[in-house]
Amino acid sequence: MKKNLSLVMFLCVIVLVALFAAACGAGRGTADSPAAAEAGSEDEQGTGESAAPDGDFNDISVDVDLTLLSSTMVFAEVFNMMTSPEDYLGKTIRARGNYAPQYFEGTDQYYHYVTVDDAAACCQQGLEFILNDDRTYPEDYPKHMAEIEVVGVFTSYYELGGDVYYLDVDEIREV
């Protein structure tokens, strides 16, 4: 079983690298990515900020809008956020995906994630988010696997001997 899981993980990484390389080779980068923003001028790449037209929630200015990217690029960008978090610290991120709560016995807490799939839907990346108000789980949270959108500042906390990166969120919305 462990050998099969390792093989699946290895194949997911290979697929991710191949899809990311193909997307980058086709010139489909985004100004929302810190790396892309550094590559071009503001005139060529834009400001990296976005605002959607349908309501207050979408009027929030963001630095990285994952909702505007293809599934391949979203997965690659979230993977990049997890492997190079220092490039994203303090940036406002908009993300859309499925809600996934996770209980961890070691801390006796629930953790909350917005998950995104890769293009083949074989692998997932999760972004932890923490709401800034006094909501109670499960009463004040969406149902497991509901499609949600969050906007928050990418930051970190220290727990169990290491830094944990998350989105500091004021509002969550079901879509």
N, C-alpha and C. Protein backbone atom coordinates (compact mmCIF):
# COMPACT_ATOMS: atom_id res chain seq x y z
N MET A 1 0.83 -1.20 0.00
CA MET A 1 0.00 0.00 0.00
C MET A 1 0.87 1.25 0.00
N LYS A 2 1.90 1.28 0.85
CA LYS A 2 2.78 2.42 0.92
C LYS A 2 3.51 2.64 -0.40
N LYS A 3 3.89 1.53 -1.04
CA LYS A 3 4.59 1.59 -2.31
C LYS A 3 3.67 2.17 -3.39
N ASN A 4 2.39 1.77 -3.39
CA ASN A 4 1.43 2.30 -4.36
C ASN A 4 1.19 3.79 -4.14
N LEU A 5 1.09 4.22 -2.90
CA LEU A 5 0.90 5.63 -2.60
C LEU A 5 2.09 6.44 -3.07
N SER A 6 3.29 5.94 -2.86
CA SER A 6 4.49 6.63 -3.32
C SER A 6 4.50 6.74 -4.84
N LEU A 7 4.09 5.71 -5.52
CA LEU A 7 4.04 5.73 -6.97
C LEU A 7 3.03 6.76 -7.46
N VAL A 8 1.86 6.82 -6.83
CA VAL A 8 0.84 7.79 -7.21
C VAL A 8 1.35 9.21 -6.99
N MET A 9 1.99 9.45 -5.85
CA MET A 9 2.55 10.78 -5.56
C MET A 9 3.60 11.14 -6.60
N PHE A 10 4.48 10.20 -6.94
CA PHE A 10 5.52 10.45 -7.93
C PHE A 10 4.90 10.79 -9.28
N LEU A 11 3.87 10.04 -9.69
CA LEU A 11 3.21 10.30 -10.97
C LEU A 11 2.52 11.66 -10.97
N CYS A 12 1.93 12.05 -9.83
CA CYS A 12 1.29 13.36 -9.74
C CYS A 12 2.31 14.48 -9.93
N VAL A 13 3.47 14.33 -9.33
CA VAL A 13 4.52 15.34 -9.48
C VAL A 13 4.98 15.42 -10.93
N ILE A 14 5.16 14.27 -11.58
CA ILE A 14 5.58 14.24 -12.98
C ILE A 14 4.54 14.93 -13.86
N VAL A 15 3.25 14.61 -13.64
CA VAL A 15 2.18 15.23 -14.42
C VAL A 15 2.15 16.73 -14.19
N LEU A 16 2.29 17.16 -12.93
CA LEU A 16 2.29 18.57 -12.60
C LEU A 16 3.42 19.30 -13.31
N VAL A 17 4.61 18.74 -13.27
CA VAL A 17 5.75 19.38 -13.92
C VAL A 17 5.52 19.46 -15.43
N ALA A 18 5.02 18.39 -16.03
CA ALA A 18 4.77 18.38 -17.48
C ALA A 18 3.71 19.41 -17.85
N LEU A 19 2.62 19.47 -17.09
CA LEU A 19 1.55 20.42 -17.39
C LEU A 19 2.01 21.86 -17.19
N PHE A 20 2.77 22.09 -16.14
CA PHE A 20 3.28 23.43 -15.86
C PHE A 20 4.24 23.87 -16.96
N ALA A 21 5.12 22.97 -17.37
CA ALA A 21 6.07 23.29 -18.43
C ALA A 21 5.34 23.58 -19.74
N ALA A 22 4.32 22.81 -20.06
CA ALA A 22 3.56 23.03 -21.29
C ALA A 22 2.84 24.37 -21.25
N ALA A 23 2.24 24.69 -20.11
CA ALA A 23 1.52 25.96 -19.99
C ALA A 23 2.47 27.14 -20.08
N CYS A 24 3.63 27.05 -19.45
CA CYS A 24 4.60 28.14 -19.50
C CYS A 24 5.18 28.27 -20.90
N GLY A 25 5.42 27.16 -21.56
CA GLY A 25 5.98 27.18 -22.90
C GLY A 25 5.03 27.80 -23.90
N ALA A 26 3.75 27.72 -23.63
CA ALA A 26 2.75 28.28 -24.54
C ALA A 26 2.52 29.77 -24.29
N GLY A 27 3.28 30.36 -23.35
CA GLY A 27 3.14 31.78 -23.07
C GLY A 27 1.87 32.12 -22.32
N ARG A 28 1.40 31.20 -21.48
CA ARG A 28 0.14 31.42 -20.78
C ARG A 28 0.37 31.79 -19.33
N GLY A 29 1.45 32.49 -19.02
CA GLY A 29 1.73 32.92 -17.66
C GLY A 29 0.73 33.97 -17.22
N THR A 30 0.85 34.40 -15.98
CA THR A 30 -0.08 35.38 -15.46
C THR A 30 0.66 36.46 -14.70
N ALA A 31 0.19 37.66 -14.81
CA ALA A 31 0.78 38.75 -14.06
C ALA A 31 0.49 38.60 -12.58
N ASP A 32 -0.45 37.74 -12.21
CA ASP A 32 -0.77 37.52 -10.81
C ASP A 32 0.33 36.77 -10.09
N SER A 33 1.16 36.06 -10.80
CA SER A 33 2.26 35.31 -10.21
C SER A 33 3.40 36.26 -9.90
N PRO A 34 4.01 36.17 -8.70
CA PRO A 34 5.14 37.03 -8.40
C PRO A 34 6.26 36.89 -9.43
N ALA A 35 6.51 35.69 -9.90
CA ALA A 35 7.56 35.48 -10.88
C ALA A 35 7.21 36.17 -12.20
N ALA A 36 5.96 36.08 -12.63
CA ALA A 36 5.55 36.72 -13.87
C ALA A 36 5.57 38.23 -13.74
N ALA A 37 5.19 38.73 -12.59
CA ALA A 37 5.17 40.18 -12.38
C ALA A 37 6.58 40.76 -12.48
N GLU A 38 7.59 40.00 -12.04
CA GLU A 38 8.96 40.46 -12.13
C GLU A 38 9.47 40.40 -13.56
N ALA A 39 8.89 39.53 -14.40
CA ALA A 39 9.42 39.30 -15.74
C ALA A 39 9.09 40.42 -16.71
N GLY A 40 8.02 41.19 -16.48
CA GLY A 40 7.64 42.21 -17.44
C GLY A 40 7.35 43.52 -16.77
N SER A 41 7.21 44.55 -17.61
CA SER A 41 6.89 45.86 -17.06
C SER A 41 5.41 45.92 -16.70
N GLU A 42 5.03 46.96 -16.00
CA GLU A 42 3.62 47.12 -15.63
C GLU A 42 2.76 47.26 -16.87
N ASP A 43 3.27 47.93 -17.92
CA ASP A 43 2.49 48.09 -19.14
C ASP A 43 2.25 46.76 -19.82
N GLU A 44 3.23 45.84 -19.77
CA GLU A 44 3.08 44.55 -20.42
C GLU A 44 2.25 43.60 -19.59
N GLN A 45 2.40 43.63 -18.28
CA GLN A 45 1.79 42.63 -17.41
C GLN A 45 0.55 43.13 -16.67
N GLY A 46 0.33 44.40 -16.58
CA GLY A 46 -0.77 44.91 -15.78
C GLY A 46 -0.32 45.07 -14.33
N THR A 47 -1.23 45.45 -13.47
CA THR A 47 -0.88 45.71 -12.09
C THR A 47 -0.90 44.47 -11.23
N GLY A 48 -1.50 43.39 -11.74
CA GLY A 48 -1.63 42.20 -10.91
C GLY A 48 -2.84 42.26 -10.00
N GLU A 49 -3.56 43.37 -10.03
CA GLU A 49 -4.76 43.51 -9.21
C GLU A 49 -5.98 43.24 -10.06
N SER A 50 -7.02 42.73 -9.42
CA SER A 50 -8.24 42.48 -10.16
C SER A 50 -9.43 42.79 -9.29
N ALA A 51 -10.52 43.11 -9.94
CA ALA A 51 -11.78 43.30 -9.23
C ALA A 51 -12.89 42.81 -10.15
N ALA A 52 -13.71 41.90 -9.67
CA ALA A 52 -14.81 41.37 -10.46
C ALA A 52 -16.05 42.21 -10.22
N PRO A 53 -16.98 42.24 -11.15
CA PRO A 53 -18.09 43.17 -11.08
C PRO A 53 -19.28 42.76 -10.23
N ASP A 54 -19.36 41.56 -9.65
CA ASP A 54 -20.63 41.13 -9.05
C ASP A 54 -20.67 41.19 -7.53
N GLY A 55 -20.60 42.39 -6.95
CA GLY A 55 -20.84 42.53 -5.53
C GLY A 55 -19.62 42.91 -4.73
N ASP A 56 -19.85 43.27 -3.45
CA ASP A 56 -18.80 43.75 -2.57
C ASP A 56 -17.66 42.75 -2.41
N PHE A 57 -18.00 41.48 -2.26
CA PHE A 57 -16.98 40.45 -2.05
C PHE A 57 -15.97 40.45 -3.19
N ASN A 58 -16.45 40.61 -4.40
CA ASN A 58 -15.57 40.59 -5.56
C ASN A 58 -14.93 41.93 -5.86
N ASP A 59 -15.29 42.97 -5.15
CA ASP A 59 -14.69 44.28 -5.36
C ASP A 59 -13.38 44.44 -4.59
N ILE A 60 -13.01 43.45 -3.81
CA ILE A 60 -11.79 43.50 -3.03
C ILE A 60 -10.60 43.39 -3.97
N SER A 61 -9.68 44.32 -3.87
CA SER A 61 -8.47 44.31 -4.69
C SER A 61 -7.53 43.21 -4.19
N VAL A 62 -7.00 42.41 -5.11
CA VAL A 62 -6.12 41.31 -4.74
C VAL A 62 -4.81 41.38 -5.53
N ASP A 63 -3.78 40.77 -4.97
CA ASP A 63 -2.48 40.68 -5.63
C ASP A 63 -2.40 39.45 -6.52
N VAL A 64 -2.99 38.35 -6.06
CA VAL A 64 -2.97 37.10 -6.81
C VAL A 64 -4.40 36.57 -6.87
N ASP A 65 -4.97 36.54 -8.08
CA ASP A 65 -6.33 36.07 -8.25
C ASP A 65 -6.30 34.69 -8.92
N LEU A 66 -6.40 33.66 -8.10
CA LEU A 66 -6.37 32.29 -8.60
C LEU A 66 -7.63 31.94 -9.39
N THR A 67 -8.70 32.72 -9.21
CA THR A 67 -9.96 32.41 -9.90
C THR A 67 -9.89 32.73 -11.39
N LEU A 68 -8.90 33.48 -11.82
CA LEU A 68 -8.77 33.86 -13.22
C LEU A 68 -7.90 32.89 -14.01
N LEU A 69 -7.29 31.92 -13.34
CA LEU A 69 -6.34 31.02 -13.98
C LEU A 69 -6.99 29.70 -14.38
N SER A 70 -6.41 29.04 -15.38
CA SER A 70 -6.86 27.70 -15.76
C SER A 70 -6.56 26.73 -14.62
N SER A 71 -7.18 25.56 -14.64
CA SER A 71 -6.96 24.58 -13.57
C SER A 71 -5.49 24.17 -13.49
N THR A 72 -4.82 24.08 -14.61
CA THR A 72 -3.39 23.73 -14.60
C THR A 72 -2.59 24.81 -13.89
N MET A 73 -2.85 26.06 -14.23
CA MET A 73 -2.09 27.16 -13.65
C MET A 73 -2.44 27.39 -12.17
N VAL A 74 -3.70 27.19 -11.80
CA VAL A 74 -4.07 27.33 -10.38
C VAL A 74 -3.29 26.32 -9.55
N PHE A 75 -3.29 25.07 -10.01
CA PHE A 75 -2.58 24.02 -9.27
C PHE A 75 -1.10 24.35 -9.17
N ALA A 76 -0.52 24.81 -10.27
CA ALA A 76 0.91 25.16 -10.28
C ALA A 76 1.19 26.35 -9.36
N GLU A 77 0.32 27.35 -9.37
CA GLU A 77 0.52 28.53 -8.53
C GLU A 77 0.41 28.17 -7.04
N VAL A 78 -0.58 27.35 -6.68
CA VAL A 78 -0.72 26.94 -5.27
C VAL A 78 0.48 26.08 -4.85
N PHE A 79 0.93 25.21 -5.75
CA PHE A 79 2.14 24.42 -5.46
C PHE A 79 3.32 25.36 -5.22
N ASN A 80 3.44 26.40 -6.04
CA ASN A 80 4.51 27.39 -5.88
C ASN A 80 4.37 28.13 -4.55
N MET A 81 3.13 28.43 -4.15
CA MET A 81 2.90 29.10 -2.87
C MET A 81 3.39 28.25 -1.70
N MET A 82 3.24 26.94 -1.82
CA MET A 82 3.65 26.04 -0.74
C MET A 82 5.16 25.79 -0.74
N THR A 83 5.79 25.87 -1.92
CA THR A 83 7.24 25.61 -1.99
C THR A 83 8.07 26.88 -1.86
N SER A 84 7.50 28.03 -2.18
CA SER A 84 8.21 29.32 -2.05
C SER A 84 7.32 30.34 -1.35
N PRO A 85 6.89 30.05 -0.13
CA PRO A 85 5.90 30.92 0.54
C PRO A 85 6.40 32.33 0.78
N GLU A 86 7.69 32.53 0.92
CA GLU A 86 8.21 33.87 1.19
C GLU A 86 7.89 34.84 0.05
N ASP A 87 7.68 34.34 -1.16
CA ASP A 87 7.32 35.19 -2.30
C ASP A 87 5.89 35.71 -2.21
N TYR A 88 5.08 35.12 -1.35
CA TYR A 88 3.66 35.46 -1.28
C TYR A 88 3.26 36.11 0.04
N LEU A 89 4.14 36.09 1.04
CA LEU A 89 3.79 36.64 2.34
C LEU A 89 3.31 38.09 2.23
N GLY A 90 2.18 38.39 2.85
CA GLY A 90 1.62 39.73 2.83
C GLY A 90 0.77 40.04 1.62
N LYS A 91 0.71 39.16 0.65
CA LYS A 91 -0.09 39.39 -0.55
C LYS A 91 -1.54 38.95 -0.31
N THR A 92 -2.46 39.67 -0.91
CA THR A 92 -3.88 39.33 -0.84
C THR A 92 -4.19 38.35 -1.97
N ILE A 93 -4.76 37.21 -1.60
CA ILE A 93 -5.01 36.10 -2.52
C ILE A 93 -6.51 35.84 -2.60
N ARG A 94 -7.02 35.63 -3.82
CA ARG A 94 -8.39 35.17 -4.01
C ARG A 94 -8.30 33.73 -4.51
N ALA A 95 -9.05 32.83 -3.87
CA ALA A 95 -9.03 31.42 -4.27
C ALA A 95 -10.44 30.86 -4.28
N ARG A 96 -10.67 29.94 -5.21
CA ARG A 96 -11.95 29.24 -5.30
C ARG A 96 -11.67 27.75 -5.41
N GLY A 97 -12.46 26.97 -4.69
CA GLY A 97 -12.31 25.52 -4.73
C GLY A 97 -13.31 24.88 -3.79
N ASN A 98 -13.01 23.67 -3.39
CA ASN A 98 -13.90 22.95 -2.49
C ASN A 98 -13.46 23.14 -1.05
N TYR A 99 -14.45 23.24 -0.17
CA TYR A 99 -14.19 23.38 1.25
C TYR A 99 -13.89 22.02 1.86
N ALA A 100 -12.79 21.94 2.61
CA ALA A 100 -12.41 20.68 3.24
C ALA A 100 -11.95 20.95 4.67
N PRO A 101 -12.78 20.62 5.66
CA PRO A 101 -12.34 20.72 7.05
C PRO A 101 -11.53 19.48 7.41
N GLN A 102 -10.59 19.63 8.31
CA GLN A 102 -9.76 18.49 8.72
C GLN A 102 -9.49 18.59 10.21
N TYR A 103 -9.84 17.53 10.94
CA TYR A 103 -9.57 17.48 12.38
C TYR A 103 -8.21 16.84 12.60
N PHE A 104 -7.40 17.44 13.50
CA PHE A 104 -6.09 16.90 13.84
C PHE A 104 -6.03 16.66 15.34
N GLU A 105 -5.86 15.38 15.72
CA GLU A 105 -5.85 15.02 17.14
C GLU A 105 -4.70 15.67 17.91
N GLY A 106 -3.56 15.85 17.25
CA GLY A 106 -2.37 16.40 17.91
C GLY A 106 -2.59 17.77 18.52
N THR A 107 -3.49 18.55 17.94
CA THR A 107 -3.79 19.89 18.45
C THR A 107 -5.23 20.01 18.93
N ASP A 108 -6.03 18.95 18.71
CA ASP A 108 -7.44 18.94 19.06
C ASP A 108 -8.17 20.12 18.42
N GLN A 109 -7.87 20.36 17.13
CA GLN A 109 -8.47 21.47 16.40
C GLN A 109 -8.91 21.03 15.01
N TYR A 110 -9.88 21.78 14.49
CA TYR A 110 -10.24 21.65 13.08
C TYR A 110 -9.47 22.69 12.29
N TYR A 111 -9.01 22.29 11.13
CA TYR A 111 -8.34 23.17 10.19
C TYR A 111 -9.22 23.24 8.94
N HIS A 112 -9.22 24.38 8.29
CA HIS A 112 -10.14 24.62 7.18
C HIS A 112 -9.34 24.94 5.92
N TYR A 113 -9.72 24.29 4.82
CA TYR A 113 -8.97 24.41 3.57
C TYR A 113 -9.89 24.70 2.41
N VAL A 114 -9.37 25.45 1.44
CA VAL A 114 -9.95 25.55 0.12
C VAL A 114 -9.02 24.72 -0.76
N THR A 115 -9.57 23.71 -1.43
CA THR A 115 -8.74 22.79 -2.21
C THR A 115 -8.94 23.04 -3.70
N VAL A 116 -7.86 22.87 -4.44
CA VAL A 116 -7.90 22.97 -5.90
C VAL A 116 -7.35 21.69 -6.50
N ASP A 117 -7.96 21.26 -7.60
CA ASP A 117 -7.51 20.07 -8.31
C ASP A 117 -6.58 20.47 -9.43
N ASP A 118 -5.74 19.53 -9.85
CA ASP A 118 -4.95 19.74 -11.05
C ASP A 118 -5.85 19.48 -12.26
N ALA A 119 -5.33 19.68 -13.46
CA ALA A 119 -6.13 19.56 -14.68
C ALA A 119 -6.68 18.15 -14.88
N ALA A 120 -5.94 17.14 -14.44
CA ALA A 120 -6.39 15.76 -14.59
C ALA A 120 -7.28 15.31 -13.45
N ALA A 121 -7.46 16.16 -12.45
CA ALA A 121 -8.27 15.87 -11.26
C ALA A 121 -7.77 14.65 -10.50
N CYS A 122 -6.46 14.41 -10.56
CA CYS A 122 -5.91 13.28 -9.82
C CYS A 122 -5.22 13.74 -8.54
N CYS A 123 -4.86 15.00 -8.47
CA CYS A 123 -4.12 15.50 -7.31
C CYS A 123 -4.77 16.79 -6.81
N GLN A 124 -4.64 17.04 -5.52
CA GLN A 124 -5.21 18.25 -4.94
C GLN A 124 -4.14 18.99 -4.14
N GLN A 125 -4.28 20.29 -4.10
CA GLN A 125 -3.50 21.15 -3.21
C GLN A 125 -4.52 21.87 -2.35
N GLY A 126 -4.19 22.05 -1.09
CA GLY A 126 -5.09 22.76 -0.19
C GLY A 126 -4.43 23.98 0.39
N LEU A 127 -5.17 25.07 0.46
CA LEU A 127 -4.72 26.28 1.13
C LEU A 127 -5.52 26.40 2.42
N GLU A 128 -4.81 26.38 3.53
CA GLU A 128 -5.50 26.57 4.81
C GLU A 128 -5.97 28.01 4.90
N PHE A 129 -7.15 28.20 5.48
CA PHE A 129 -7.61 29.55 5.76
C PHE A 129 -8.14 29.60 7.18
N ILE A 130 -8.01 30.77 7.79
CA ILE A 130 -8.52 31.02 9.13
C ILE A 130 -9.41 32.25 9.06
N LEU A 131 -10.66 32.09 9.49
CA LEU A 131 -11.60 33.21 9.50
C LEU A 131 -11.32 34.11 10.70
N ASN A 132 -11.45 35.41 10.50
CA ASN A 132 -11.13 36.41 11.53
C ASN A 132 -12.29 36.74 12.46
N ASP A 133 -13.30 35.90 12.53
CA ASP A 133 -14.40 36.20 13.44
C ASP A 133 -14.71 34.97 14.29
N ASP A 134 -15.71 35.07 15.10
CA ASP A 134 -16.03 34.02 16.07
C ASP A 134 -17.00 33.00 15.51
N ARG A 135 -16.69 32.40 14.41
CA ARG A 135 -17.56 31.37 13.84
C ARG A 135 -17.29 30.04 14.53
N THR A 136 -18.32 29.22 14.59
CA THR A 136 -18.23 27.91 15.22
C THR A 136 -18.35 26.84 14.16
N TYR A 137 -17.46 25.86 14.23
CA TYR A 137 -17.54 24.74 13.30
C TYR A 137 -18.35 23.63 13.96
N PRO A 138 -19.28 23.01 13.28
CA PRO A 138 -19.63 23.09 11.86
C PRO A 138 -20.77 24.07 11.54
N GLU A 139 -21.40 24.65 12.56
CA GLU A 139 -22.60 25.46 12.35
C GLU A 139 -22.41 26.60 11.37
N ASP A 140 -21.30 27.31 11.45
CA ASP A 140 -21.11 28.53 10.68
C ASP A 140 -20.21 28.35 9.44
N TYR A 141 -19.99 27.12 9.05
CA TYR A 141 -19.14 26.83 7.89
C TYR A 141 -19.95 26.11 6.82
N PRO A 142 -19.48 26.15 5.57
CA PRO A 142 -20.18 25.42 4.50
C PRO A 142 -20.11 23.92 4.73
N LYS A 143 -20.90 23.19 3.97
CA LYS A 143 -20.85 21.73 4.02
C LYS A 143 -19.54 21.26 3.40
N HIS A 144 -19.06 20.10 3.85
CA HIS A 144 -17.85 19.49 3.30
C HIS A 144 -17.96 19.40 1.78
N MET A 145 -16.95 19.83 1.07
CA MET A 145 -16.82 19.80 -0.39
C MET A 145 -17.72 20.80 -1.12
N ALA A 146 -18.35 21.73 -0.40
CA ALA A 146 -19.08 22.81 -1.07
C ALA A 146 -18.07 23.68 -1.80
N GLU A 147 -18.48 24.23 -2.94
CA GLU A 147 -17.58 25.13 -3.66
C GLU A 147 -17.61 26.49 -2.96
N ILE A 148 -16.42 26.99 -2.64
CA ILE A 148 -16.30 28.25 -1.90
C ILE A 148 -15.31 29.17 -2.58
N GLU A 149 -15.37 30.42 -2.19
CA GLU A 149 -14.38 31.41 -2.59
C GLU A 149 -13.97 32.18 -1.35
N VAL A 150 -12.68 32.41 -1.22
CA VAL A 150 -12.15 33.17 -0.09
C VAL A 150 -11.18 34.22 -0.62
N VAL A 151 -11.05 35.31 0.12
CA VAL A 151 -10.04 36.34 -0.14
C VAL A 151 -9.36 36.59 1.18
N GLY A 152 -8.03 36.50 1.17
CA GLY A 152 -7.31 36.71 2.42
C GLY A 152 -5.84 37.03 2.18
N VAL A 153 -5.19 37.45 3.25
CA VAL A 153 -3.77 37.78 3.21
C VAL A 153 -2.96 36.53 3.56
N PHE A 154 -1.99 36.22 2.73
CA PHE A 154 -1.13 35.05 2.93
C PHE A 154 -0.15 35.36 4.05
N THR A 155 -0.19 34.57 5.08
CA THR A 155 0.64 34.80 6.26
C THR A 155 1.00 33.46 6.88
N SER A 156 1.57 33.48 8.09
CA SER A 156 1.99 32.21 8.70
C SER A 156 1.83 32.26 10.22
N TYR A 157 1.84 31.07 10.81
CA TYR A 157 1.92 30.92 12.25
C TYR A 157 2.87 29.76 12.52
N TYR A 158 3.32 29.67 13.75
CA TYR A 158 4.26 28.62 14.15
C TYR A 158 3.50 27.59 14.98
N GLU A 159 3.61 26.32 14.57
CA GLU A 159 2.92 25.26 15.30
C GLU A 159 3.68 23.95 15.15
N LEU A 160 3.80 23.22 16.23
CA LEU A 160 4.42 21.90 16.23
C LEU A 160 5.80 21.89 15.58
N GLY A 161 6.59 22.92 15.86
CA GLY A 161 7.97 22.96 15.40
C GLY A 161 8.20 23.50 14.00
N GLY A 162 7.20 24.10 13.39
CA GLY A 162 7.41 24.64 12.04
C GLY A 162 6.42 25.72 11.68
N ASP A 163 6.77 26.44 10.61
CA ASP A 163 5.88 27.47 10.09
C ASP A 163 4.76 26.84 9.28
N VAL A 164 3.56 27.35 9.47
CA VAL A 164 2.39 26.92 8.72
C VAL A 164 1.87 28.15 7.99
N TYR A 165 1.65 28.02 6.69
CA TYR A 165 1.20 29.15 5.87
C TYR A 165 -0.30 29.01 5.61
N TYR A 166 -0.98 30.15 5.64
CA TYR A 166 -2.43 30.13 5.51
C TYR A 166 -2.93 31.47 4.98
N LEU A 167 -4.21 31.50 4.64
CA LEU A 167 -4.87 32.74 4.27
C LEU A 167 -5.64 33.28 5.46
N ASP A 168 -5.37 34.51 5.84
CA ASP A 168 -6.06 35.21 6.91
C ASP A 168 -7.29 35.86 6.28
N VAL A 169 -8.47 35.26 6.49
CA VAL A 169 -9.68 35.57 5.73
C VAL A 169 -10.72 36.29 6.58
N ASP A 170 -11.31 37.33 6.02
CA ASP A 170 -12.41 38.02 6.69
C ASP A 170 -13.76 37.46 6.29
N GLU A 171 -13.86 36.90 5.09
CA GLU A 171 -15.15 36.45 4.58
C GLU A 171 -14.97 35.21 3.73
N ILE A 172 -15.94 34.33 3.83
CA ILE A 172 -16.00 33.13 3.00
C ILE A 172 -17.35 33.16 2.30
N ARG A 173 -17.38 32.68 1.06
CA ARG A 173 -18.62 32.74 0.30
C ARG A 173 -18.79 31.43 -0.47
N GLU A 174 -19.99 30.88 -0.42
CA GLU A 174 -20.29 29.71 -1.25
C GLU A 174 -20.63 30.20 -2.66
N VAL A 175 -20.13 29.47 -3.66
CA VAL A 175 -20.39 29.86 -5.05
C VAL A 175 -21.15 28.77 -5.78
